[in-house]
Structure formats: structure tokens, C-alpha cells
């Protein structure tokens, strides 16, 4: 995960989403408990109750879902098939970009 700069990985059994494992899961369940990586399976430390969102869901509602569930990574599903994952940073960047665009349009309008 560190080599690829990934904060989380989805866990699949075939096409079925069965869990998600994050850097925090690893830190809390392996490092802080003094366990060894090679003796610990992903299934032991992953979160099996995964919150997902449809690809048609809005950025704002996805961000609200993440905030309400205290999660940083959100798998995107289409017809029960994982098609991607977004991070809270991805969504915040999108909202900031939209707000910046709105500000620039308003400034342009005000200047005439």
C-alpha cells in the first residue's frame, strides 16, 4: 500500500466485495497490537461491513455518507460490481473546484 500510495484496498472474492482494508486497519490491528504481518491474514483485519455508493450518486451525498460513517474510502458499485473507489480527498477536491469555478463566474459577472 505504501509503495502505491494507496490508503485502502478493496477485498474481493471473485466479483463480490467482501471487505476493505485501510492503512488505519493495519496500524491498529497489526502494528499497535504487536502482531506480525506475515502471520496475519487480510480477513482478520479488514472491515467486512463496507459502505458503498452507486456511480450515479452525487459528490455531496457521497461526502455526507462518508462523514456520517466516519470513513475515508468509498467503493463505487454498479449492479453489485465494484467499478471504482473514491477517497474523501477526491470528493473534497471536486467540491473545492466547483466552488472556485462559481467564485470566478460571480467575480466576472460583478466586473461586468
PDB file of N, CA and C in Angstrom:
ATOM      1  N   UNK A   1       0.829  -1.188   0.000  1.00  0.00           N
ATOM      2  CA  UNK A   1       0.000   0.000   0.000  1.00  0.00           C
ATOM      3  C   UNK A   1       0.875   1.254   0.000  1.00  0.00           C
ATOM      4  N   UNK A   2       1.926   1.220   0.778  1.00  0.00           N
ATOM      5  CA  UNK A   2       2.809   2.387   0.858  1.00  0.00           C
ATOM      6  C   UNK A   2       3.496   2.645  -0.482  1.00  0.00           C
ATOM      7  N   UNK A   3       3.958   1.586  -1.133  1.00  0.00           N
ATOM      8  CA  UNK A   3       4.632   1.747  -2.422  1.00  0.00           C
ATOM      9  C   UNK A   3       3.726   2.382  -3.474  1.00  0.00           C
ATOM     10  N   UNK A   4       2.449   2.045  -3.439  1.00  0.00           N
ATOM     11  CA  UNK A   4       1.490   2.559  -4.422  1.00  0.00           C
ATOM     12  C   UNK A   4       0.744   3.793  -3.920  1.00  0.00           C
ATOM     13  N   UNK A   5       1.082   4.243  -2.697  1.00  0.00           N
ATOM     14  CA  UNK A   5       0.434   5.410  -2.076  1.00  0.00           C
ATOM     15  C   UNK A   5      -1.087   5.227  -2.016  1.00  0.00           C
ATOM     16  N   UNK A   6      -1.504   4.013  -1.642  1.00  0.00           N
ATOM     17  CA  UNK A   6      -2.927   3.689  -1.518  1.00  0.00           C
ATOM     18  C   UNK A   6      -3.293   3.675  -0.037  1.00  0.00           C
ATOM     19  N   UNK A   7      -4.339   4.397   0.311  1.00  0.00           N
ATOM     20  CA  UNK A   7      -4.793   4.440   1.692  1.00  0.00           C
ATOM     21  C   UNK A   7      -5.691   3.282   2.057  1.00  0.00           C
ATOM     22  N   UNK A   8      -6.218   2.608   1.041  1.00  0.00           N
ATOM     23  CA  UNK A   8      -7.113   1.479   1.295  1.00  0.00           C
ATOM     24  C   UNK A   8      -7.152   0.580   0.069  1.00  0.00           C
ATOM     25  N   UNK A   9      -7.493  -0.683   0.320  1.00  0.00           N
ATOM     26  CA  UNK A   9      -7.661  -1.657  -0.751  1.00  0.00           C
ATOM     27  C   UNK A   9      -8.990  -2.359  -0.563  1.00  0.00           C
ATOM     28  N   UNK A  10      -9.685  -2.601  -1.661  1.00  0.00           N
ATOM     29  CA  UNK A  10     -10.914  -3.377  -1.558  1.00  0.00           C
ATOM     30  C   UNK A  10     -10.542  -4.856  -1.603  1.00  0.00           C
ATOM     31  N   UNK A  11     -11.348  -5.662  -0.931  1.00  0.00           N
ATOM     32  CA  UNK A  11     -11.110  -7.098  -0.883  1.00  0.00           C
ATOM     33  C   UNK A  11     -12.264  -7.775  -1.617  1.00  0.00           C
ATOM     34  N   UNK A  12     -11.922  -8.526  -2.645  1.00  0.00           N
ATOM     35  CA  UNK A  12     -12.923  -9.193  -3.472  1.00  0.00           C
ATOM     36  C   UNK A  12     -12.776 -10.707  -3.362  1.00  0.00           C
ATOM     37  N   UNK A  13     -13.890 -11.378  -3.446  1.00  0.00           N
ATOM     38  CA  UNK A  13     -13.908 -12.829  -3.639  1.00  0.00           C
ATOM     39  C   UNK A  13     -14.597 -13.006  -4.980  1.00  0.00           C
ATOM     40  N   UNK A  14     -13.789 -13.213  -6.016  1.00  0.00           N
ATOM     41  CA  UNK A  14     -14.330 -13.174  -7.371  1.00  0.00           C
ATOM     42  C   UNK A  14     -14.786 -11.738  -7.615  1.00  0.00           C
ATOM     43  N   UNK A  15     -16.003 -11.560  -8.116  1.00  0.00           N
ATOM     44  CA  UNK A  15     -16.508 -10.202  -8.333  1.00  0.00           C
ATOM     45  C   UNK A  15     -17.186  -9.611  -7.089  1.00  0.00           C
ATOM     46  N   UNK A  16     -17.322 -10.411  -6.020  1.00  0.00           N
ATOM     47  CA  UNK A  16     -18.064  -9.977  -4.824  1.00  0.00           C
ATOM     48  C   UNK A  16     -17.180  -9.180  -3.865  1.00  0.00           C
ATOM     49  N   UNK A  17     -17.660  -8.012  -3.471  1.00  0.00           N
ATOM     50  CA  UNK A  17     -16.976  -7.179  -2.485  1.00  0.00           C
ATOM     51  C   UNK A  17     -17.196  -7.787  -1.104  1.00  0.00           C
ATOM     52  N   UNK A  18     -16.106  -8.183  -0.448  1.00  0.00           N
ATOM     53  CA  UNK A  18     -16.235  -8.817   0.866  1.00  0.00           C
ATOM     54  C   UNK A  18     -15.613  -7.993   1.981  1.00  0.00           C
ATOM     55  N   UNK A  19     -14.874  -6.938   1.615  1.00  0.00           N
ATOM     56  CA  UNK A  19     -14.279  -6.120   2.658  1.00  0.00           C
ATOM     57  C   UNK A  19     -13.442  -4.994   2.103  1.00  0.00           C
ATOM     58  N   UNK A  20     -12.903  -4.223   3.037  1.00  0.00           N
ATOM     59  CA  UNK A  20     -11.975  -3.149   2.694  1.00  0.00           C
ATOM     60  C   UNK A  20     -10.947  -3.093   3.815  1.00  0.00           C
ATOM     61  N   UNK A  21      -9.709  -2.880   3.442  1.00  0.00           N
ATOM     62  CA  UNK A  21      -8.638  -2.770   4.427  1.00  0.00           C
ATOM     63  C   UNK A  21      -7.916  -1.446   4.205  1.00  0.00           C
ATOM     64  N   UNK A  22      -7.731  -0.720   5.284  1.00  0.00           N
ATOM     65  CA  UNK A  22      -7.085   0.586   5.197  1.00  0.00           C
ATOM     66  C   UNK A  22      -5.772   0.580   5.955  1.00  0.00           C
ATOM     67  N   UNK A  23      -4.989   1.617   5.731  1.00  0.00           N
ATOM     68  CA  UNK A  23      -3.751   1.783   6.492  1.00  0.00           C
ATOM     69  C   UNK A  23      -4.055   1.812   7.989  1.00  0.00           C
ATOM     70  N   UNK A  24      -5.147   2.440   8.351  1.00  0.00           N
ATOM     71  CA  UNK A  24      -5.534   2.503   9.766  1.00  0.00           C
ATOM     72  C   UNK A  24      -5.850   1.124  10.322  1.00  0.00           C
ATOM     73  N   UNK A  25      -6.566   0.307   9.535  1.00  0.00           N
ATOM     74  CA  UNK A  25      -6.850  -1.069   9.971  1.00  0.00           C
ATOM     75  C   UNK A  25      -5.542  -1.793  10.262  1.00  0.00           C
ATOM     76  N   UNK A  26      -4.604  -1.672   9.346  1.00  0.00           N
ATOM     77  CA  UNK A  26      -3.316  -2.339   9.502  1.00  0.00           C
ATOM     78  C   UNK A  26      -2.586  -1.818  10.742  1.00  0.00           C
ATOM     79  N   UNK A  27      -2.538  -0.510  10.880  1.00  0.00           N
ATOM     80  CA  UNK A  27      -1.827   0.083  12.016  1.00  0.00           C
ATOM     81  C   UNK A  27      -2.445  -0.341  13.345  1.00  0.00           C
ATOM     82  N   UNK A  28      -3.761  -0.290  13.422  1.00  0.00           N
ATOM     83  CA  UNK A  28      -4.447  -0.618  14.675  1.00  0.00           C
ATOM     84  C   UNK A  28      -4.415  -2.104  15.001  1.00  0.00           C
ATOM     85  N   UNK A  29      -4.584  -2.934  13.991  1.00  0.00           N
ATOM     86  CA  UNK A  29      -4.722  -4.365  14.236  1.00  0.00           C
ATOM     87  C   UNK A  29      -3.420  -5.160  14.149  1.00  0.00           C
ATOM     88  N   UNK A  30      -2.407  -4.600  13.517  1.00  0.00           N
ATOM     89  CA  UNK A  30      -1.141  -5.326  13.399  1.00  0.00           C
ATOM     90  C   UNK A  30      -0.055  -4.610  14.202  1.00  0.00           C
ATOM     91  N   UNK A  31       0.262  -3.404  13.821  1.00  0.00           N
ATOM     92  CA  UNK A  31       1.374  -2.688  14.445  1.00  0.00           C
ATOM     93  C   UNK A  31       1.125  -2.433  15.933  1.00  0.00           C
ATOM     94  N   UNK A  32       0.003  -1.808  16.254  1.00  0.00           N
ATOM     95  CA  UNK A  32      -0.259  -1.448  17.656  1.00  0.00           C
ATOM     96  C   UNK A  32      -0.462  -2.651  18.568  1.00  0.00           C
ATOM     97  N   UNK A  33      -0.858  -3.772  18.000  1.00  0.00           N
ATOM     98  CA  UNK A  33      -1.063  -4.977  18.805  1.00  0.00           C
ATOM     99  C   UNK A  33       0.155  -5.906  18.782  1.00  0.00           C
ATOM    100  N   UNK A  34       1.229  -5.445  18.152  1.00  0.00           N
ATOM    101  CA  UNK A  34       2.462  -6.218  18.130  1.00  0.00           C
ATOM    102  C   UNK A  34       2.398  -7.500  17.318  1.00  0.00           C
ATOM    103  N   UNK A  35       1.470  -7.558  16.381  1.00  0.00           N
ATOM    104  CA  UNK A  35       1.346  -8.748  15.534  1.00  0.00           C
ATOM    105  C   UNK A  35       2.348  -8.663  14.395  1.00  0.00           C
ATOM    106  N   UNK A  36       2.551  -9.768  13.727  1.00  0.00           N
ATOM    107  CA  UNK A  36       3.456  -9.810  12.575  1.00  0.00           C
ATOM    108  C   UNK A  36       2.633  -9.878  11.298  1.00  0.00           C
ATOM    109  N   UNK A  37       3.038  -9.112  10.317  1.00  0.00           N
ATOM    110  CA  UNK A  37       2.314  -9.055   9.042  1.00  0.00           C
ATOM    111  C   UNK A  37       2.158 -10.428   8.402  1.00  0.00           C
ATOM    112  N   UNK A  38       3.226 -11.198   8.367  1.00  0.00           N
ATOM    113  CA  UNK A  38       3.170 -12.482   7.673  1.00  0.00           C
ATOM    114  C   UNK A  38       2.337 -13.527   8.424  1.00  0.00           C
ATOM    115  N   UNK A  39       2.010 -13.250   9.690  1.00  0.00           N
ATOM    116  CA  UNK A  39       1.162 -14.164  10.465  1.00  0.00           C
ATOM    117  C   UNK A  39      -0.302 -13.721  10.514  1.00  0.00           C
ATOM    118  N   UNK A  40      -0.606 -12.594   9.898  1.00  0.00           N
ATOM    119  CA  UNK A  40      -1.943 -12.016   9.971  1.00  0.00           C
ATOM    120  C   UNK A  40      -2.583 -12.021   8.592  1.00  0.00           C
ATOM    121  N   UNK A  41      -3.780 -12.584   8.488  1.00  0.00           N
ATOM    122  CA  UNK A  41      -4.468 -12.578   7.190  1.00  0.00           C
ATOM    123  C   UNK A  41      -5.262 -11.292   7.023  1.00  0.00           C
ATOM    124  N   UNK A  42      -5.490 -10.928   5.799  1.00  0.00           N
ATOM    125  CA  UNK A  42      -6.303  -9.748   5.486  1.00  0.00           C
ATOM    126  C   UNK A  42      -7.695  -9.897   6.096  1.00  0.00           C
ATOM    127  N   UNK A  43      -8.253 -11.106   6.018  1.00  0.00           N
ATOM    128  CA  UNK A  43      -9.601 -11.349   6.553  1.00  0.00           C
ATOM    129  C   UNK A  43      -9.702 -11.028   8.045  1.00  0.00           C
ATOM    130  N   UNK A  44      -8.601 -11.171   8.773  1.00  0.00           N
ATOM    131  CA  UNK A  44      -8.613 -10.903  10.205  1.00  0.00           C
ATOM    132  C   UNK A  44      -8.714  -9.416  10.533  1.00  0.00           C
ATOM    133  N   UNK A  45      -8.239  -8.566   9.655  1.00  0.00           N
ATOM    134  CA  UNK A  45      -8.167  -7.139   9.997  1.00  0.00           C
ATOM    135  C   UNK A  45      -9.006  -6.231   9.097  1.00  0.00           C
ATOM    136  N   UNK A  46      -9.593  -6.787   8.031  1.00  0.00           N
ATOM    137  CA  UNK A  46     -10.393  -5.950   7.125  1.00  0.00           C
ATOM    138  C   UNK A  46     -11.742  -5.613   7.766  1.00  0.00           C
ATOM    139  N   UNK A  47     -12.349  -4.559   7.266  1.00  0.00           N
ATOM    140  CA  UNK A  47     -13.719  -4.215   7.640  1.00  0.00           C
ATOM    141  C   UNK A  47     -14.636  -4.950   6.675  1.00  0.00           C
ATOM    142  N   UNK A  48     -15.505  -5.797   7.213  1.00  0.00           N
ATOM    143  CA  UNK A  48     -16.379  -6.573   6.325  1.00  0.00           C
ATOM    144  C   UNK A  48     -17.716  -5.889   6.075  1.00  0.00           C
ATOM    145  N   UNK A  49     -18.064  -4.921   6.884  1.00  0.00           N
ATOM    146  CA  UNK A  49     -19.273  -4.134   6.639  1.00  0.00           C
ATOM    147  C   UNK A  49     -18.861  -2.901   5.842  1.00  0.00           C
ATOM    148  N   UNK A  50     -18.955  -3.028   4.530  1.00  0.00           N
ATOM    149  CA  UNK A  50     -18.463  -1.982   3.640  1.00  0.00           C
ATOM    150  C   UNK A  50     -19.613  -1.089   3.179  1.00  0.00           C
ATOM    151  N   UNK A  51     -19.441   0.197   3.392  1.00  0.00           N
ATOM    152  CA  UNK A  51     -20.398   1.183   2.889  1.00  0.00           C
ATOM    153  C   UNK A  51     -20.031   1.436   1.431  1.00  0.00           C
ATOM    154  N   UNK A  52     -21.029   1.359   0.552  1.00  0.00           N
ATOM    155  CA  UNK A  52     -20.785   1.592  -0.872  1.00  0.00           C
ATOM    156  C   UNK A  52     -21.760   2.652  -1.381  1.00  0.00           C
ATOM    157  N   UNK A  53     -21.513   3.083  -2.593  1.00  0.00           N
ATOM    158  CA  UNK A  53     -22.374   4.074  -3.224  1.00  0.00           C
ATOM    159  C   UNK A  53     -22.519   3.718  -4.702  1.00  0.00           C
ATOM    160  N   UNK A  54     -23.666   4.053  -5.261  1.00  0.00           N
ATOM    161  CA  UNK A  54     -23.904   3.867  -6.683  1.00  0.00           C
ATOM    162  C   UNK A  54     -23.131   4.925  -7.460  1.00  0.00           C
ATOM    163  N   UNK A  55     -22.722   4.585  -8.683  1.00  0.00           N
ATOM    164  CA  UNK A  55     -21.972   5.545  -9.500  1.00  0.00           C
ATOM    165  C   UNK A  55     -22.810   6.766  -9.866  1.00  0.00           C
ATOM    166  N   UNK A  56     -24.121   6.681  -9.717  1.00  0.00           N
ATOM    167  CA  UNK A  56     -24.985   7.822 -10.041  1.00  0.00           C
ATOM    168  C   UNK A  56     -25.185   8.767  -8.854  1.00  0.00           C
ATOM    169  N   UNK A  57     -24.646   8.405  -7.704  1.00  0.00           N
ATOM    170  CA  UNK A  57     -24.786   9.241  -6.504  1.00  0.00           C
ATOM    171  C   UNK A  57     -23.998  10.534  -6.667  1.00  0.00           C
ATOM    172  N   UNK A  58     -24.498  11.598  -6.094  1.00  0.00           N
ATOM    173  CA  UNK A  58     -23.807  12.889  -6.219  1.00  0.00           C
ATOM    174  C   UNK A  58     -22.580  12.943  -5.314  1.00  0.00           C
ATOM    175  N   UNK A  59     -21.678  13.847  -5.648  1.00  0.00           N
ATOM    176  CA  UNK A  59     -20.474  14.049  -4.848  1.00  0.00           C
ATOM    177  C   UNK A  59     -20.858  14.482  -3.437  1.00  0.00           C
ATOM    178  N   UNK A  60     -21.777  15.420  -3.325  1.00  0.00           N
ATOM    179  CA  UNK A  60     -22.170  15.927  -1.996  1.00  0.00           C
ATOM    180  C   UNK A  60     -22.799  14.847  -1.126  1.00  0.00           C
ATOM    181  N   UNK A  61     -23.682  14.038  -1.687  1.00  0.00           N
ATOM    182  CA  UNK A  61     -24.315  13.000  -0.870  1.00  0.00           C
ATOM    183  C   UNK A  61     -23.302  11.900  -0.523  1.00  0.00           C
ATOM    184  N   UNK A  62     -22.356  11.637  -1.417  1.00  0.00           N
ATOM    185  CA  UNK A  62     -21.302  10.661  -1.125  1.00  0.00           C
ATOM    186  C   UNK A  62     -20.410  11.162   0.010  1.00  0.00           C
ATOM    187  N   UNK A  63     -20.091  12.446  -0.035  1.00  0.00           N
ATOM    188  CA  UNK A  63     -19.285  13.043   1.029  1.00  0.00           C
ATOM    189  C   UNK A  63     -20.036  13.001   2.363  1.00  0.00           C
ATOM    190  N   UNK A  64     -21.322  13.276   2.338  1.00  0.00           N
ATOM    191  CA  UNK A  64     -22.133  13.207   3.558  1.00  0.00           C
ATOM    192  C   UNK A  64     -22.165  11.787   4.105  1.00  0.00           C
ATOM    193  N   UNK A  65     -22.288  10.815   3.220  1.00  0.00           N
ATOM    194  CA  UNK A  65     -22.294   9.408   3.627  1.00  0.00           C
ATOM    195  C   UNK A  65     -20.969   9.032   4.296  1.00  0.00           C
ATOM    196  N   UNK A  66     -19.879   9.492   3.721  1.00  0.00           N
ATOM    197  CA  UNK A  66     -18.568   9.213   4.294  1.00  0.00           C
ATOM    198  C   UNK A  66     -18.407   9.880   5.653  1.00  0.00           C
ATOM    199  N   UNK A  67     -18.862  11.108   5.759  1.00  0.00           N
ATOM    200  CA  UNK A  67     -18.776  11.838   7.026  1.00  0.00           C
ATOM    201  C   UNK A  67     -19.623  11.161   8.097  1.00  0.00           C
ATOM    202  N   UNK A  68     -20.839  10.801   7.743  1.00  0.00           N
ATOM    203  CA  UNK A  68     -21.745  10.151   8.706  1.00  0.00           C
ATOM    204  C   UNK A  68     -21.209   8.808   9.190  1.00  0.00           C
ATOM    205  N   UNK A  69     -20.496   8.090   8.324  1.00  0.00           N
ATOM    206  CA  UNK A  69     -19.988   6.768   8.665  1.00  0.00           C
ATOM    207  C   UNK A  69     -18.521   6.771   9.105  1.00  0.00           C
ATOM    208  N   UNK A  70     -17.927   7.963   9.180  1.00  0.00           N
ATOM    209  CA  UNK A  70     -16.533   8.114   9.619  1.00  0.00           C
ATOM    210  C   UNK A  70     -15.587   7.243   8.797  1.00  0.00           C
ATOM    211  N   UNK A  71     -15.725   7.320   7.473  1.00  0.00           N
ATOM    212  CA  UNK A  71     -14.867   6.547   6.580  1.00  0.00           C
ATOM    213  C   UNK A  71     -14.152   7.485   5.613  1.00  0.00           C
ATOM    214  N   UNK A  72     -13.032   7.033   5.091  1.00  0.00           N
ATOM    215  CA  UNK A  72     -12.225   7.851   4.185  1.00  0.00           C
ATOM    216  C   UNK A  72     -12.195   7.323   2.757  1.00  0.00           C
ATOM    217  N   UNK A  73     -12.697   6.099   2.563  1.00  0.00           N
ATOM    218  CA  UNK A  73     -12.691   5.475   1.232  1.00  0.00           C
ATOM    219  C   UNK A  73     -14.048   4.859   0.962  1.00  0.00           C
ATOM    220  N   UNK A  74     -14.541   5.069  -0.248  1.00  0.00           N
ATOM    221  CA  UNK A  74     -15.897   4.648  -0.596  1.00  0.00           C
ATOM    222  C   UNK A  74     -15.900   3.911  -1.934  1.00  0.00           C
ATOM    223  N   UNK A  75     -16.143   2.597  -1.897  1.00  0.00           N
ATOM    224  CA  UNK A  75     -16.258   1.854  -3.156  1.00  0.00           C
ATOM    225  C   UNK A  75     -17.508   2.281  -3.933  1.00  0.00           C
ATOM    226  N   UNK A  76     -17.351   2.359  -5.233  1.00  0.00           N
ATOM    227  CA  UNK A  76     -18.459   2.716  -6.110  1.00  0.00           C
ATOM    228  C   UNK A  76     -18.888   1.444  -6.831  1.00  0.00           C
ATOM    229  N   UNK A  77     -20.187   1.154  -6.767  1.00  0.00           N
ATOM    230  CA  UNK A  77     -20.697  -0.082  -7.353  1.00  0.00           C
ATOM    231  C   UNK A  77     -21.727   0.208  -8.438  1.00  0.00           C
ATOM    232  N   UNK A  78     -21.772  -0.706  -9.376  1.00  0.00           N
ATOM    233  CA  UNK A  78     -22.771  -0.672 -10.439  1.00  0.00           C
ATOM    234  C   UNK A  78     -23.266  -2.098 -10.601  1.00  0.00           C
ATOM    235  N   UNK A  79     -24.529  -2.311 -10.301  1.00  0.00           N
ATOM    236  CA  UNK A  79     -25.102  -3.647 -10.425  1.00  0.00           C
ATOM    237  C   UNK A  79     -24.331  -4.663  -9.585  1.00  0.00           C
ATOM    238  N   UNK A  80     -24.000  -4.261  -8.345  1.00  0.00           N
ATOM    239  CA  UNK A  80     -23.273  -5.076  -7.371  1.00  0.00           C
ATOM    240  C   UNK A  80     -21.832  -5.400  -7.774  1.00  0.00           C
ATOM    241  N   UNK A  81     -21.309  -4.694  -8.751  1.00  0.00           N
ATOM    242  CA  UNK A  81     -19.929  -4.885  -9.203  1.00  0.00           C
ATOM    243  C   UNK A  81     -19.142  -3.618  -8.889  1.00  0.00           C
ATOM    244  N   UNK A  82     -17.998  -3.767  -8.239  1.00  0.00           N
ATOM    245  CA  UNK A  82     -17.168  -2.611  -7.899  1.00  0.00           C
ATOM    246  C   UNK A  82     -16.550  -2.054  -9.175  1.00  0.00           C
ATOM    247  N   UNK A  83     -16.752  -0.752  -9.379  1.00  0.00           N
ATOM    248  CA  UNK A  83     -16.193  -0.122 -10.572  1.00  0.00           C
ATOM    249  C   UNK A  83     -15.157   0.952 -10.226  1.00  0.00           C
ATOM    250  N   UNK A  84     -14.986   1.220  -8.921  1.00  0.00           N
ATOM    251  CA  UNK A  84     -14.003   2.204  -8.509  1.00  0.00           C
ATOM    252  C   UNK A  84     -14.062   2.464  -7.024  1.00  0.00           C
ATOM    253  N   UNK A  85     -13.158   3.311  -6.579  1.00  0.00           N
ATOM    254  CA  UNK A  85     -13.107   3.730  -5.176  1.00  0.00           C
ATOM    255  C   UNK A  85     -12.736   5.205  -5.172  1.00  0.00           C
ATOM    256  N   UNK A  86     -13.434   5.987  -4.359  1.00  0.00           N
ATOM    257  CA  UNK A  86     -13.066   7.389  -4.174  1.00  0.00           C
ATOM    258  C   UNK A  86     -12.654   7.609  -2.728  1.00  0.00           C
ATOM    259  N   UNK A  87     -11.767   8.559  -2.545  1.00  0.00           N
ATOM    260  CA  UNK A  87     -11.354   8.928  -1.193  1.00  0.00           C
ATOM    261  C   UNK A  87     -12.055  10.232  -0.818  1.00  0.00           C
ATOM    262  N   UNK A  88     -12.053  10.506   0.452  1.00  0.00           N
ATOM    263  CA  UNK A  88     -12.668  11.748   0.914  1.00  0.00           C
ATOM    264  C   UNK A  88     -11.934  12.940   0.293  1.00  0.00           C
ATOM    265  N   UNK A  89     -10.620  12.792   0.085  1.00  0.00           N
ATOM    266  CA  UNK A  89      -9.840  13.845  -0.560  1.00  0.00           C
ATOM    267  C   UNK A  89     -10.283  14.097  -1.990  1.00  0.00           C
ATOM    268  N   UNK A  90     -10.611  13.027  -2.724  1.00  0.00           N
ATOM    269  CA  UNK A  90     -11.106  13.166  -4.099  1.00  0.00           C
ATOM    270  C   UNK A  90     -12.364  14.031  -4.127  1.00  0.00           C
ATOM    271  N   UNK A  91     -13.283  13.731  -3.202  1.00  0.00           N
ATOM    272  CA  UNK A  91     -14.567  14.437  -3.178  1.00  0.00           C
ATOM    273  C   UNK A  91     -14.401  15.883  -2.733  1.00  0.00           C
ATOM    274  N   UNK A  92     -13.562  16.112  -1.742  1.00  0.00           N
ATOM    275  CA  UNK A  92     -13.319  17.483  -1.268  1.00  0.00           C
ATOM    276  C   UNK A  92     -12.685  18.309  -2.382  1.00  0.00           C
ATOM    277  N   UNK A  93     -11.714  17.731  -3.094  1.00  0.00           N
ATOM    278  CA  UNK A  93     -11.087  18.458  -4.213  1.00  0.00           C
ATOM    279  C   UNK A  93     -12.120  18.837  -5.273  1.00  0.00           C
ATOM    280  N   UNK A  94     -13.059  17.935  -5.565  1.00  0.00           N
ATOM    281  CA  UNK A  94     -14.088  18.211  -6.560  1.00  0.00           C
ATOM    282  C   UNK A  94     -14.994  19.358  -6.106  1.00  0.00           C
ATOM    283  N   UNK A  95     -15.389  19.339  -4.860  1.00  0.00           N
ATOM    284  CA  UNK A  95     -16.251  20.398  -4.326  1.00  0.00           C
ATOM    285  C   UNK A  95     -15.521  21.740  -4.340  1.00  0.00           C
ATOM    286  N   UNK A  96     -14.258  21.753  -3.949  1.00  0.00           N
ATOM    287  CA  UNK A  96     -13.475  22.995  -3.967  1.00  0.00           C
ATOM    288  C   UNK A  96     -13.348  23.521  -5.389  1.00  0.00           C
ATOM    289  N   UNK A  97     -13.130  22.635  -6.333  1.00  0.00           N
ATOM    290  CA  UNK A  97     -13.021  23.040  -7.735  1.00  0.00           C
ATOM    291  C   UNK A  97     -14.322  23.672  -8.217  1.00  0.00           C
ATOM    292  N   UNK A  98     -15.450  23.060  -7.872  1.00  0.00           N
ATOM    293  CA  UNK A  98     -16.752  23.616  -8.246  1.00  0.00           C
ATOM    294  C   UNK A  98     -16.963  24.984  -7.614  1.00  0.00           C
ATOM    295  N   UNK A  99     -16.604  25.112  -6.345  1.00  0.00           N
ATOM    296  CA  UNK A  99     -16.777  26.385  -5.653  1.00  0.00           C
ATOM    297  C   UNK A  99     -15.884  27.457  -6.260  1.00  0.00           C
ATOM    298  N   UNK A 100     -14.652  27.095  -6.614  1.00  0.00           N
ATOM    299  CA  UNK A 100     -13.738  28.052  -7.233  1.00  0.00           C
ATOM    300  C   UNK A 100     -14.288  28.529  -8.570  1.00  0.00           C
ATOM    301  N   UNK A 101     -14.849  27.610  -9.333  1.00  0.00           N
ATOM    302  CA  UNK A 101     -15.446  27.972 -10.611  1.00  0.00           C
ATOM    303  C   UNK A 101     -16.610  28.942 -10.420  1.00  0.00           C
ATOM    304  N   UNK A 102     -17.441  28.670  -9.432  1.00  0.00           N
ATOM    305  CA  UNK A 102     -18.577  29.553  -9.127  1.00  0.00           C
ATOM    306  C   UNK A 102     -18.089  30.934  -8.716  1.00  0.00           C
ATOM    307  N   UNK A 103     -17.066  30.981  -7.895  1.00  0.00           N
ATOM    308  CA  UNK A 103     -16.499  32.265  -7.452  1.00  0.00           C
ATOM    309  C   UNK A 103     -15.983  33.054  -8.645  1.00  0.00           C
ATOM    310  N   UNK A 104     -15.272  32.387  -9.537  1.00  0.00           N
ATOM    311  CA  UNK A 104     -14.731  33.067 -10.719  1.00  0.00           C
ATOM    312  C   UNK A 104     -15.843  33.589 -11.614  1.00  0.00           C
ATOM    313  N   UNK A 105     -16.909  32.827 -11.784  1.00  0.00           N
ATOM    314  CA  UNK A 105     -18.039  33.282 -12.594  1.00  0.00           C
ATOM    315  C   UNK A 105     -18.720  34.481 -11.959  1.00  0.00           C
ATOM    316  N   UNK A 106     -18.881  34.456 -10.638  1.00  0.00           N
ATOM    317  CA  UNK A 106     -19.511  35.592  -9.940  1.00  0.00           C
ATOM    318  C   UNK A 106     -18.629  36.833 -10.021  1.00  0.00           C
ATOM    319  N   UNK A 107     -17.331  36.657  -9.879  1.00  0.00           N
ATOM    320  CA  UNK A 107     -16.417  37.796  -9.975  1.00  0.00           C
ATOM    321  C   UNK A 107     -16.481  38.408 -11.371  1.00  0.00           C
ATOM    322  N   UNK A 108     -16.537  37.552 -12.382  1.00  0.00           N
ATOM    323  CA  UNK A 108     -16.635  38.018 -13.766  1.00  0.00           C
ATOM    324  C   UNK A 108     -17.940  38.774 -13.989  1.00  0.00           C
ATOM    325  N   UNK A 109     -19.029  38.271 -13.433  1.00  0.00           N
ATOM    326  CA  UNK A 109     -20.327  38.906 -13.558  1.00  0.00           C
ATOM    327  C   UNK A 109     -20.323  40.266 -12.877  1.00  0.00           C
ATOM    328  N   UNK A 110     -19.733  40.340 -11.696  1.00  0.00           N
ATOM    329  CA  UNK A 110     -19.697  41.596 -10.938  1.00  0.00           C
ATOM    330  C   UNK A 110     -18.866  42.649 -11.686  1.00  0.00           C
ATOM    331  N   UNK A 111     -17.758  42.242 -12.278  1.00  0.00           N
ATOM    332  CA  UNK A 111     -16.893  43.176 -13.013  1.00  0.00           C
ATOM    333  C   UNK A 111     -17.570  43.667 -14.293  1.00  0.00           C
ATOM    334  N   UNK A 112     -18.567  42.902 -14.767  1.00  0.00           N
ATOM    335  CA  UNK A 112     -19.305  43.345 -15.936  1.00  0.00           C
ATOM    336  C   UNK A 112     -18.779  42.802 -17.163  1.00  0.00           C
TER     337      UNK A 112
END
